[in-house]
Amino acid sequence: MQVHRQNLYACPVPKLVDHDVRRREIAQAVWAVIAERGIEGVTLRSVAAEAGVSVGRIQHYYASREELVRDSCRELLKAATQRFEAVDDTTPVEKLRRLVLGRIPATPEFAIGTSIWLAYEAKSVDDPVIAELVQRGHAGGVQEAAALLSECGVADASAVALRLMATAEGLAIRVLVGGLEPRGATELLENLIAEVLPG
């Protein structure tokens, strides 16, 4: 029996879906909702509307609002790590400066990102899973800073790293609420970095 080639091409072909990409897209919709309405505004319906998909599509990946919020927090941490690691610094000092100074929301877009992270921090008070994720995020930053400080020859690198990162995070909040300009916060951190580095 002769089979027409055009009929072969007309056969439906399953569409390949990258589930990691889809989850990241959904997470981005969650972040947009948080930025506009706070974490209390996150629902399956509000996220679906933001993402331009059906509620059923969201439910295909997430059975509950709680699961959706938690996974969006994981995605935020993953995105931050990937963004940091994507830059190839030439020296440990440059990488340390980028890590510490990068906590300051110096642009409107970065300010939105910081406010979203702070929403997760607030949620961590009553959500043990998000609390663990937030703690992991803080610990990861301190560990990275400690490793870089050790490369720079700083004694007691862990304690110094905690001091640097805690100061940066506190200043970030001050900048976000309007009590300090990004330039002022950056100068304070630059001085602190110069103070703790040898030589």
N, C-alpha and C. Protein backbone atom coordinates (compact mmCIF):
# COMPACT_ATOMS: atom_id res chain seq x y z
N MET A 1 0.85 -1.20 0.00
CA MET A 1 0.00 0.00 0.00
C MET A 1 0.88 1.24 0.00
N GLN A 2 0.51 2.19 -0.84
CA GLN A 2 1.30 3.41 -0.94
C GLN A 2 0.88 4.39 0.15
N VAL A 3 1.86 4.93 0.86
CA VAL A 3 1.59 5.91 1.90
C VAL A 3 2.08 7.26 1.42
N HIS A 4 1.19 8.23 1.39
CA HIS A 4 1.57 9.56 0.94
C HIS A 4 2.46 10.25 1.98
N ARG A 5 3.56 10.83 1.54
CA ARG A 5 4.50 11.48 2.44
C ARG A 5 3.83 12.60 3.22
N GLN A 6 2.92 13.33 2.54
CA GLN A 6 2.28 14.44 3.23
C GLN A 6 1.42 13.96 4.38
N ASN A 7 0.89 12.74 4.28
CA ASN A 7 0.10 12.18 5.38
C ASN A 7 0.97 11.86 6.58
N LEU A 8 2.20 11.43 6.29
CA LEU A 8 3.14 11.16 7.38
C LEU A 8 3.41 12.44 8.16
N TYR A 9 3.63 13.53 7.43
CA TYR A 9 3.93 14.80 8.09
C TYR A 9 2.71 15.36 8.81
N ALA A 10 1.53 14.91 8.38
CA ALA A 10 0.31 15.41 9.00
C ALA A 10 0.02 14.73 10.33
N CYS A 11 0.73 13.63 10.60
CA CYS A 11 0.50 12.92 11.86
C CYS A 11 0.89 13.80 13.04
N PRO A 12 0.09 13.78 14.10
CA PRO A 12 0.43 14.61 15.27
C PRO A 12 1.72 14.13 15.93
N VAL A 13 2.58 15.06 16.25
CA VAL A 13 3.84 14.75 16.91
C VAL A 13 3.79 15.30 18.33
N PRO A 14 4.07 14.47 19.33
CA PRO A 14 4.03 14.97 20.71
C PRO A 14 4.98 16.15 20.90
N LYS A 15 4.50 17.19 21.53
CA LYS A 15 5.32 18.38 21.77
C LYS A 15 6.22 18.14 22.98
N LEU A 16 7.51 18.34 22.78
CA LEU A 16 8.45 18.15 23.87
C LEU A 16 8.37 19.34 24.82
N VAL A 17 8.24 19.06 26.10
CA VAL A 17 8.13 20.11 27.11
C VAL A 17 9.26 19.96 28.11
N ASP A 18 10.01 21.01 28.31
CA ASP A 18 11.06 21.03 29.32
C ASP A 18 10.41 21.45 30.63
N HIS A 19 10.23 20.49 31.52
CA HIS A 19 9.50 20.76 32.76
C HIS A 19 10.25 21.75 33.66
N ASP A 20 11.57 21.74 33.61
CA ASP A 20 12.34 22.71 34.40
C ASP A 20 12.07 24.13 33.91
N VAL A 21 12.00 24.28 32.58
CA VAL A 21 11.69 25.60 32.01
C VAL A 21 10.29 26.03 32.42
N ARG A 22 9.34 25.10 32.35
CA ARG A 22 7.96 25.42 32.70
C ARG A 22 7.86 25.84 34.17
N ARG A 23 8.56 25.13 35.03
CA ARG A 23 8.54 25.49 36.46
C ARG A 23 9.16 26.86 36.69
N ARG A 24 10.22 27.17 35.98
CA ARG A 24 10.85 28.48 36.12
C ARG A 24 9.89 29.58 35.65
N GLU A 25 9.16 29.32 34.57
CA GLU A 25 8.19 30.30 34.08
C GLU A 25 7.08 30.52 35.10
N ILE A 26 6.63 29.44 35.72
CA ILE A 26 5.59 29.56 36.75
C ILE A 26 6.14 30.32 37.95
N ALA A 27 7.38 30.01 38.32
CA ALA A 27 8.01 30.71 39.45
C ALA A 27 8.11 32.20 39.17
N GLN A 28 8.45 32.56 37.94
CA GLN A 28 8.53 33.98 37.58
C GLN A 28 7.17 34.66 37.73
N ALA A 29 6.11 33.92 37.42
CA ALA A 29 4.76 34.47 37.61
C ALA A 29 4.46 34.66 39.10
N VAL A 30 4.91 33.71 39.91
CA VAL A 30 4.74 33.85 41.37
C VAL A 30 5.47 35.09 41.86
N TRP A 31 6.70 35.29 41.40
CA TRP A 31 7.48 36.46 41.83
C TRP A 31 6.77 37.76 41.44
N ALA A 32 6.17 37.77 40.26
CA ALA A 32 5.46 38.97 39.81
C ALA A 32 4.26 39.26 40.70
N VAL A 33 3.56 38.20 41.09
CA VAL A 33 2.41 38.38 41.99
C VAL A 33 2.88 38.88 43.36
N ILE A 34 3.95 38.30 43.87
CA ILE A 34 4.49 38.73 45.17
C ILE A 34 4.89 40.20 45.11
N ALA A 35 5.55 40.59 44.02
CA ALA A 35 6.01 41.98 43.88
C ALA A 35 4.84 42.95 43.87
N GLU A 36 3.72 42.52 43.31
CA GLU A 36 2.57 43.42 43.17
C GLU A 36 1.61 43.36 44.36
N ARG A 37 1.41 42.15 44.92
CA ARG A 37 0.37 41.98 45.94
C ARG A 37 0.87 41.38 47.25
N GLY A 38 2.14 41.05 47.31
CA GLY A 38 2.65 40.38 48.50
C GLY A 38 2.42 38.89 48.40
N ILE A 39 3.04 38.15 49.29
CA ILE A 39 2.95 36.69 49.22
C ILE A 39 1.53 36.20 49.51
N GLU A 40 0.74 37.01 50.23
CA GLU A 40 -0.65 36.65 50.51
C GLU A 40 -1.48 36.64 49.23
N GLY A 41 -1.02 37.36 48.21
CA GLY A 41 -1.76 37.42 46.96
C GLY A 41 -1.53 36.24 46.04
N VAL A 42 -0.63 35.34 46.44
CA VAL A 42 -0.32 34.18 45.60
C VAL A 42 -1.41 33.12 45.76
N THR A 43 -2.11 32.85 44.68
CA THR A 43 -3.06 31.75 44.60
C THR A 43 -2.83 31.04 43.27
N LEU A 44 -3.37 29.86 43.12
CA LEU A 44 -3.24 29.17 41.85
C LEU A 44 -3.85 30.01 40.73
N ARG A 45 -4.97 30.66 41.04
CA ARG A 45 -5.66 31.46 40.04
C ARG A 45 -4.85 32.72 39.66
N SER A 46 -4.32 33.41 40.68
CA SER A 46 -3.58 34.65 40.38
C SER A 46 -2.29 34.36 39.62
N VAL A 47 -1.65 33.26 39.94
CA VAL A 47 -0.41 32.89 39.24
C VAL A 47 -0.72 32.45 37.81
N ALA A 48 -1.81 31.71 37.64
CA ALA A 48 -2.21 31.29 36.29
C ALA A 48 -2.50 32.51 35.42
N ALA A 49 -3.19 33.49 35.99
CA ALA A 49 -3.51 34.71 35.23
C ALA A 49 -2.23 35.46 34.86
N GLU A 50 -1.30 35.54 35.79
CA GLU A 50 -0.03 36.23 35.53
C GLU A 50 0.78 35.52 34.46
N ALA A 51 0.75 34.18 34.50
CA ALA A 51 1.53 33.38 33.55
C ALA A 51 0.82 33.24 32.20
N GLY A 52 -0.46 33.61 32.15
CA GLY A 52 -1.21 33.48 30.91
C GLY A 52 -1.56 32.05 30.57
N VAL A 53 -1.76 31.23 31.60
CA VAL A 53 -2.12 29.83 31.39
C VAL A 53 -3.35 29.50 32.23
N SER A 54 -3.87 28.30 32.06
CA SER A 54 -5.03 27.89 32.83
C SER A 54 -4.63 27.46 34.24
N VAL A 55 -5.60 27.48 35.14
CA VAL A 55 -5.34 26.99 36.50
C VAL A 55 -4.94 25.52 36.44
N GLY A 56 -5.55 24.79 35.50
CA GLY A 56 -5.22 23.37 35.35
C GLY A 56 -3.76 23.15 35.02
N ARG A 57 -3.18 24.07 34.24
CA ARG A 57 -1.76 23.94 33.91
C ARG A 57 -0.90 24.09 35.15
N ILE A 58 -1.26 25.03 36.02
CA ILE A 58 -0.53 25.20 37.28
C ILE A 58 -0.69 23.96 38.15
N GLN A 59 -1.91 23.43 38.20
CA GLN A 59 -2.19 22.25 39.03
C GLN A 59 -1.48 21.01 38.50
N HIS A 60 -1.13 21.02 37.22
CA HIS A 60 -0.37 19.90 36.66
C HIS A 60 0.98 19.77 37.35
N TYR A 61 1.53 20.90 37.79
CA TYR A 61 2.84 20.91 38.44
C TYR A 61 2.75 21.04 39.96
N TYR A 62 1.70 21.68 40.44
CA TYR A 62 1.60 21.95 41.88
C TYR A 62 0.20 21.61 42.39
N ALA A 63 0.16 20.76 43.40
CA ALA A 63 -1.13 20.32 43.93
C ALA A 63 -1.75 21.34 44.87
N SER A 64 -0.94 22.26 45.39
CA SER A 64 -1.46 23.22 46.37
C SER A 64 -0.71 24.55 46.27
N ARG A 65 -1.31 25.57 46.83
CA ARG A 65 -0.68 26.89 46.90
C ARG A 65 0.62 26.81 47.70
N GLU A 66 0.60 26.05 48.79
CA GLU A 66 1.77 25.91 49.65
C GLU A 66 2.96 25.36 48.86
N GLU A 67 2.70 24.33 48.08
CA GLU A 67 3.75 23.72 47.27
C GLU A 67 4.27 24.70 46.22
N LEU A 68 3.36 25.48 45.66
CA LEU A 68 3.72 26.48 44.65
C LEU A 68 4.65 27.54 45.23
N VAL A 69 4.31 28.06 46.39
CA VAL A 69 5.11 29.10 47.03
C VAL A 69 6.49 28.55 47.41
N ARG A 70 6.51 27.36 47.94
CA ARG A 70 7.78 26.77 48.35
C ARG A 70 8.71 26.55 47.16
N ASP A 71 8.16 26.02 46.07
CA ASP A 71 9.01 25.75 44.92
C ASP A 71 9.49 27.04 44.27
N SER A 72 8.67 28.08 44.31
CA SER A 72 9.12 29.37 43.75
C SER A 72 10.28 29.94 44.55
N CYS A 73 10.32 29.65 45.85
CA CYS A 73 11.45 30.07 46.68
C CYS A 73 12.71 29.30 46.28
N ARG A 74 12.55 28.00 46.04
CA ARG A 74 13.69 27.20 45.57
C ARG A 74 14.22 27.74 44.25
N GLU A 75 13.30 28.09 43.36
CA GLU A 75 13.71 28.60 42.05
C GLU A 75 14.43 29.94 42.17
N LEU A 76 14.01 30.77 43.12
CA LEU A 76 14.68 32.05 43.32
C LEU A 76 16.12 31.84 43.77
N LEU A 77 16.32 30.92 44.70
CA LEU A 77 17.68 30.61 45.16
C LEU A 77 18.53 30.04 44.03
N LYS A 78 17.93 29.16 43.25
CA LYS A 78 18.65 28.56 42.13
C LYS A 78 19.04 29.62 41.10
N ALA A 79 18.12 30.53 40.80
CA ALA A 79 18.39 31.59 39.83
C ALA A 79 19.51 32.50 40.31
N ALA A 80 19.49 32.83 41.61
CA ALA A 80 20.52 33.70 42.17
C ALA A 80 21.90 33.03 42.10
N THR A 81 21.94 31.73 42.40
CA THR A 81 23.20 30.99 42.33
C THR A 81 23.73 30.94 40.91
N GLN A 82 22.85 30.64 39.96
CA GLN A 82 23.26 30.57 38.56
C GLN A 82 23.77 31.91 38.05
N ARG A 83 23.10 32.98 38.46
CA ARG A 83 23.51 34.32 38.03
C ARG A 83 24.89 34.67 38.58
N PHE A 84 25.13 34.31 39.84
CA PHE A 84 26.42 34.61 40.46
C PHE A 84 27.54 33.81 39.81
N GLU A 85 27.28 32.53 39.56
CA GLU A 85 28.31 31.66 39.02
C GLU A 85 28.58 31.90 37.54
N ALA A 86 27.68 32.61 36.87
CA ALA A 86 27.83 32.84 35.43
C ALA A 86 28.94 33.83 35.11
N VAL A 87 29.34 34.64 36.11
CA VAL A 87 30.39 35.64 35.90
C VAL A 87 31.74 35.04 36.28
N ASP A 88 32.71 35.20 35.40
CA ASP A 88 34.05 34.65 35.63
C ASP A 88 34.97 35.76 36.16
N ASP A 89 35.10 35.83 37.49
CA ASP A 89 35.97 36.84 38.09
C ASP A 89 37.43 36.40 38.00
N THR A 90 38.32 37.37 37.95
CA THR A 90 39.73 37.05 37.80
C THR A 90 40.43 36.81 39.14
N THR A 91 39.93 37.40 40.21
CA THR A 91 40.58 37.24 41.51
C THR A 91 39.54 36.97 42.60
N PRO A 92 39.96 36.36 43.71
CA PRO A 92 39.04 36.15 44.84
C PRO A 92 38.48 37.45 45.39
N VAL A 93 39.30 38.51 45.37
CA VAL A 93 38.84 39.80 45.89
C VAL A 93 37.69 40.34 45.04
N GLU A 94 37.82 40.24 43.73
CA GLU A 94 36.75 40.71 42.84
C GLU A 94 35.46 39.92 43.07
N LYS A 95 35.61 38.62 43.24
CA LYS A 95 34.44 37.78 43.45
C LYS A 95 33.80 38.09 44.81
N LEU A 96 34.63 38.34 45.81
CA LEU A 96 34.12 38.70 47.14
C LEU A 96 33.34 40.01 47.07
N ARG A 97 33.90 40.99 46.39
CA ARG A 97 33.23 42.29 46.26
C ARG A 97 31.88 42.13 45.57
N ARG A 98 31.86 41.32 44.53
CA ARG A 98 30.61 41.12 43.80
C ARG A 98 29.57 40.41 44.66
N LEU A 99 30.04 39.45 45.47
CA LEU A 99 29.14 38.72 46.35
C LEU A 99 28.53 39.64 47.40
N VAL A 100 29.37 40.44 48.03
CA VAL A 100 28.91 41.30 49.13
C VAL A 100 28.13 42.51 48.61
N LEU A 101 28.73 43.22 47.66
CA LEU A 101 28.08 44.42 47.13
C LEU A 101 26.82 44.07 46.35
N GLY A 102 26.76 42.85 45.86
CA GLY A 102 25.59 42.40 45.11
C GLY A 102 24.34 42.28 45.94
N ARG A 103 24.47 42.39 47.25
CA ARG A 103 23.28 42.35 48.11
C ARG A 103 22.53 43.68 48.10
N ILE A 104 23.18 44.74 47.66
CA ILE A 104 22.56 46.06 47.70
C ILE A 104 21.67 46.27 46.48
N PRO A 105 20.39 46.56 46.67
CA PRO A 105 19.48 46.78 45.54
C PRO A 105 19.71 48.14 44.89
N ALA A 106 20.62 48.16 43.93
CA ALA A 106 21.06 49.42 43.33
C ALA A 106 20.22 49.85 42.13
N THR A 107 19.33 48.98 41.66
CA THR A 107 18.46 49.31 40.53
C THR A 107 17.02 49.00 40.91
N PRO A 108 16.05 49.59 40.22
CA PRO A 108 14.64 49.28 40.51
C PRO A 108 14.33 47.80 40.37
N GLU A 109 14.91 47.15 39.35
CA GLU A 109 14.67 45.73 39.16
C GLU A 109 15.22 44.92 40.33
N PHE A 110 16.41 45.30 40.78
CA PHE A 110 17.03 44.60 41.90
C PHE A 110 16.24 44.84 43.18
N ALA A 111 15.68 46.04 43.33
CA ALA A 111 14.87 46.34 44.50
C ALA A 111 13.64 45.44 44.56
N ILE A 112 13.06 45.18 43.40
CA ILE A 112 11.91 44.27 43.35
C ILE A 112 12.34 42.87 43.77
N GLY A 113 13.49 42.42 43.26
CA GLY A 113 13.99 41.11 43.64
C GLY A 113 14.26 41.00 45.12
N THR A 114 14.81 42.06 45.71
CA THR A 114 15.07 42.07 47.15
C THR A 114 13.78 42.01 47.94
N SER A 115 12.76 42.74 47.49
CA SER A 115 11.48 42.73 48.20
C SER A 115 10.83 41.35 48.14
N ILE A 116 11.01 40.65 47.03
CA ILE A 116 10.47 39.29 46.90
C ILE A 116 11.19 38.36 47.87
N TRP A 117 12.51 38.48 47.95
CA TRP A 117 13.27 37.64 48.89
C TRP A 117 12.85 37.92 50.33
N LEU A 118 12.63 39.18 50.66
CA LEU A 118 12.21 39.53 52.02
C LEU A 118 10.83 38.97 52.32
N ALA A 119 9.98 38.85 51.30
CA ALA A 119 8.66 38.24 51.50
C ALA A 119 8.81 36.78 51.88
N TYR A 120 9.76 36.09 51.26
CA TYR A 120 10.02 34.69 51.64
C TYR A 120 10.59 34.63 53.05
N GLU A 121 11.46 35.56 53.40
CA GLU A 121 12.01 35.57 54.76
C GLU A 121 10.89 35.74 55.79
N ALA A 122 9.95 36.64 55.50
CA ALA A 122 8.83 36.84 56.42
C ALA A 122 7.98 35.58 56.51
N LYS A 123 7.77 34.92 55.38
CA LYS A 123 6.98 33.69 55.36
C LYS A 123 7.66 32.57 56.12
N SER A 124 8.98 32.61 56.21
CA SER A 124 9.73 31.54 56.88
C SER A 124 9.38 31.44 58.36
N VAL A 125 8.79 32.49 58.92
CA VAL A 125 8.42 32.47 60.34
C VAL A 125 7.40 31.38 60.62
N ASP A 126 6.48 31.14 59.66
CA ASP A 126 5.43 30.15 59.91
C ASP A 126 5.43 29.00 58.90
N ASP A 127 6.49 28.90 58.10
CA ASP A 127 6.59 27.79 57.15
C ASP A 127 7.97 27.16 57.30
N PRO A 128 8.04 25.98 57.90
CA PRO A 128 9.35 25.36 58.17
C PRO A 128 10.15 25.02 56.92
N VAL A 129 9.47 24.71 55.82
CA VAL A 129 10.18 24.39 54.59
C VAL A 129 10.85 25.64 54.02
N ILE A 130 10.10 26.74 53.98
CA ILE A 130 10.69 27.99 53.51
C ILE A 130 11.77 28.47 54.47
N ALA A 131 11.57 28.23 55.76
CA ALA A 131 12.59 28.61 56.75
C ALA A 131 13.90 27.89 56.45
N GLU A 132 13.81 26.61 56.11
CA GLU A 132 15.02 25.85 55.78
C GLU A 132 15.67 26.38 54.51
N LEU A 133 14.85 26.74 53.52
CA LEU A 133 15.39 27.28 52.28
C LEU A 133 16.08 28.62 52.51
N VAL A 134 15.46 29.48 53.31
CA VAL A 134 16.04 30.79 53.61
C VAL A 134 17.35 30.63 54.37
N GLN A 135 17.35 29.73 55.35
CA GLN A 135 18.57 29.49 56.12
C GLN A 135 19.68 28.94 55.22
N ARG A 136 19.28 28.08 54.29
CA ARG A 136 20.26 27.52 53.35
C ARG A 136 20.84 28.62 52.46
N GLY A 137 19.98 29.55 52.05
CA GLY A 137 20.44 30.66 51.24
C GLY A 137 21.43 31.54 51.98
N HIS A 138 21.11 31.87 53.23
CA HIS A 138 22.03 32.68 54.03
C HIS A 138 23.34 31.94 54.27
N ALA A 139 23.23 30.66 54.63
CA ALA A 139 24.43 29.87 54.91
C ALA A 139 25.31 29.74 53.68
N GLY A 140 24.69 29.57 52.51
CA GLY A 140 25.46 29.45 51.28
C GLY A 140 26.26 30.71 50.99
N GLY A 141 25.64 31.86 51.23
CA GLY A 141 26.35 33.13 51.01
C GLY A 141 27.52 33.29 51.95
N VAL A 142 27.32 32.94 53.21
CA VAL A 142 28.39 33.06 54.20
C VAL A 142 29.52 32.09 53.89
N GLN A 143 29.18 30.87 53.50
CA GLN A 143 30.20 29.87 53.18
C GLN A 143 31.03 30.31 51.97
N GLU A 144 30.36 30.86 50.97
CA GLU A 144 31.08 31.34 49.78
C GLU A 144 32.02 32.48 50.16
N ALA A 145 31.52 33.41 50.97
CA ALA A 145 32.34 34.54 51.41
C ALA A 145 33.53 34.06 52.23
N ALA A 146 33.30 33.07 53.11
CA ALA A 146 34.38 32.54 53.95
C ALA A 146 35.47 31.89 53.09
N ALA A 147 35.05 31.15 52.07
CA ALA A 147 36.03 30.50 51.19
C ALA A 147 36.87 31.54 50.46
N LEU A 148 36.23 32.60 50.00
CA LEU A 148 36.95 33.66 49.29
C LEU A 148 37.88 34.42 50.22
N LEU A 149 37.41 34.68 51.43
CA LEU A 149 38.26 35.37 52.42
C LEU A 149 39.48 34.53 52.77
N SER A 150 39.29 33.22 52.86
CA SER A 150 40.42 32.33 53.14
C SER A 150 41.45 32.41 52.02
N GLU A 151 40.96 32.45 50.77
CA GLU A 151 41.87 32.59 49.63
C GLU A 151 42.64 33.90 49.69
N CYS A 152 42.02 34.90 50.30
CA CYS A 152 42.67 36.22 50.42
C CYS A 152 43.59 36.30 51.63
N GLY A 153 43.67 35.21 52.41
CA GLY A 153 44.56 35.18 53.57
C GLY A 153 43.97 35.78 54.83
N VAL A 154 42.65 35.85 54.92
CA VAL A 154 42.00 36.42 56.11
C VAL A 154 41.88 35.36 57.20
N ALA A 155 42.34 35.69 58.40
CA ALA A 155 42.20 34.78 59.54
C ALA A 155 40.76 34.81 60.04
N ASP A 156 40.32 33.67 60.61
CA ASP A 156 38.95 33.56 61.13
C ASP A 156 37.94 33.97 60.06
N ALA A 157 38.11 33.38 58.88
CA ALA A 157 37.32 33.77 57.72
C ALA A 157 35.82 33.60 57.93
N SER A 158 35.42 32.57 58.67
CA SER A 158 33.98 32.32 58.87
C SER A 158 33.31 33.46 59.63
N ALA A 159 33.97 33.93 60.69
CA ALA A 159 33.41 35.03 61.49
C ALA A 159 33.36 36.32 60.68
N VAL A 160 34.41 36.57 59.91
CA VAL A 160 34.46 37.78 59.09
C VAL A 160 33.40 37.71 57.99
N ALA A 161 33.22 36.52 57.42
CA ALA A 161 32.21 36.35 56.37
C ALA A 161 30.81 36.63 56.90
N LEU A 162 30.53 36.12 58.10
CA LEU A 162 29.22 36.36 58.71
C LEU A 162 29.01 37.85 58.94
N ARG A 163 30.05 38.53 59.38
CA ARG A 163 29.96 39.97 59.61
C ARG A 163 29.67 40.72 58.32
N LEU A 164 30.38 40.37 57.26
CA LEU A 164 30.20 41.03 55.97
C LEU A 164 28.79 40.81 55.42
N MET A 165 28.36 39.56 55.41
CA MET A 165 27.07 39.24 54.80
C MET A 165 25.90 39.79 55.61
N ALA A 166 26.01 39.70 56.93
CA ALA A 166 24.94 40.24 57.78
C ALA A 166 24.83 41.75 57.62
N THR A 167 25.98 42.42 57.54
CA THR A 167 25.98 43.87 57.33
C THR A 167 25.36 44.22 55.98
N ALA A 168 25.73 43.47 54.95
CA ALA A 168 25.20 43.73 53.61
C ALA A 168 23.69 43.54 53.57
N GLU A 169 23.21 42.48 54.21
CA GLU A 169 21.77 42.21 54.21
C GLU A 169 21.00 43.27 54.99
N GLY A 170 21.59 43.74 56.09
CA GLY A 170 20.94 44.81 56.85
C GLY A 170 20.88 46.11 56.07
N LEU A 171 21.97 46.43 55.40
CA LEU A 171 22.01 47.65 54.59
C LEU A 171 21.04 47.56 53.41
N ALA A 172 20.88 46.36 52.87
CA ALA A 172 19.94 46.17 51.76
C ALA A 172 18.52 46.55 52.17
N ILE A 173 18.15 46.18 53.38
CA ILE A 173 16.81 46.53 53.88
C ILE A 173 16.69 48.03 54.05
N ARG A 174 17.73 48.66 54.58
CA ARG A 174 17.72 50.12 54.75
C ARG A 174 17.54 50.82 53.40
N VAL A 175 18.22 50.32 52.39
CA VAL A 175 18.09 50.91 51.05
C VAL A 175 16.67 50.70 50.52
N LEU A 176 16.14 49.51 50.73
CA LEU A 176 14.83 49.17 50.20
C LEU A 176 13.72 50.04 50.79
N VAL A 177 13.80 50.31 52.09
CA VAL A 177 12.74 51.09 52.74
C VAL A 177 12.97 52.59 52.62
N GLY A 178 14.09 52.98 52.02
CA GLY A 178 14.33 54.39 51.76
C GLY A 178 15.15 55.13 52.78
N GLY A 179 15.76 54.42 53.72
CA GLY A 179 16.55 55.09 54.73
C GLY A 179 18.00 55.32 54.35
N LEU A 180 18.40 54.81 53.18
CA LEU A 180 19.79 54.90 52.75
C LEU A 180 19.86 54.76 51.24
N GLU A 181 20.71 55.57 50.61
CA GLU A 181 20.90 55.48 49.17
C GLU A 181 21.82 54.31 48.84
N PRO A 182 21.62 53.65 47.69
CA PRO A 182 22.49 52.54 47.31
C PRO A 182 23.97 52.91 47.32
N ARG A 183 24.30 54.13 46.87
CA ARG A 183 25.71 54.54 46.84
C ARG A 183 26.29 54.58 48.25
N GLY A 184 25.51 55.09 49.20
CA GLY A 184 25.99 55.15 50.58
C GLY A 184 26.21 53.77 51.16
N ALA A 185 25.29 52.85 50.88
CA ALA A 185 25.43 51.48 51.37
C ALA A 185 26.65 50.81 50.74
N THR A 186 26.85 51.05 49.46
CA THR A 186 28.00 50.47 48.76
C THR A 186 29.31 50.99 49.34
N GLU A 187 29.38 52.27 49.63
CA GLU A 187 30.59 52.85 50.21
C GLU A 187 30.89 52.25 51.59
N LEU A 188 29.85 52.07 52.39
CA LEU A 188 30.04 51.45 53.70
C LEU A 188 30.61 50.05 53.57
N LEU A 189 30.09 49.29 52.62
CA LEU A 189 30.56 47.93 52.43
C LEU A 189 31.97 47.90 51.83
N GLU A 190 32.25 48.81 50.92
CA GLU A 190 33.60 48.91 50.35
C GLU A 190 34.62 49.16 51.46
N ASN A 191 34.29 50.06 52.37
CA ASN A 191 35.19 50.36 53.49
C ASN A 191 35.37 49.15 54.39
N LEU A 192 34.27 48.42 54.62
CA LEU A 192 34.35 47.24 55.49
C LEU A 192 35.20 46.15 54.84
N ILE A 193 35.02 45.95 53.55
CA ILE A 193 35.83 44.96 52.84
C ILE A 193 37.31 45.32 52.90
N ALA A 194 37.61 46.60 52.68
CA ALA A 194 39.01 47.05 52.75
C ALA A 194 39.58 46.85 54.15
N GLU A 195 38.72 47.01 55.15
CA GLU A 195 39.16 46.87 56.54
C GLU A 195 39.53 45.43 56.88
N VAL A 196 38.77 44.47 56.35
CA VAL A 196 38.98 43.07 56.74
C VAL A 196 40.04 42.38 55.89
N LEU A 197 40.34 42.91 54.71
CA LEU A 197 41.34 42.27 53.86
C LEU A 197 42.75 42.64 54.32
N PRO A 198 43.67 41.70 54.28
CA PRO A 198 45.05 41.99 54.70
C PRO A 198 45.75 42.94 53.74
N GLY A 199 46.67 43.73 54.30
CA GLY A 199 47.48 44.61 53.47
C GLY A 199 46.77 45.86 53.06
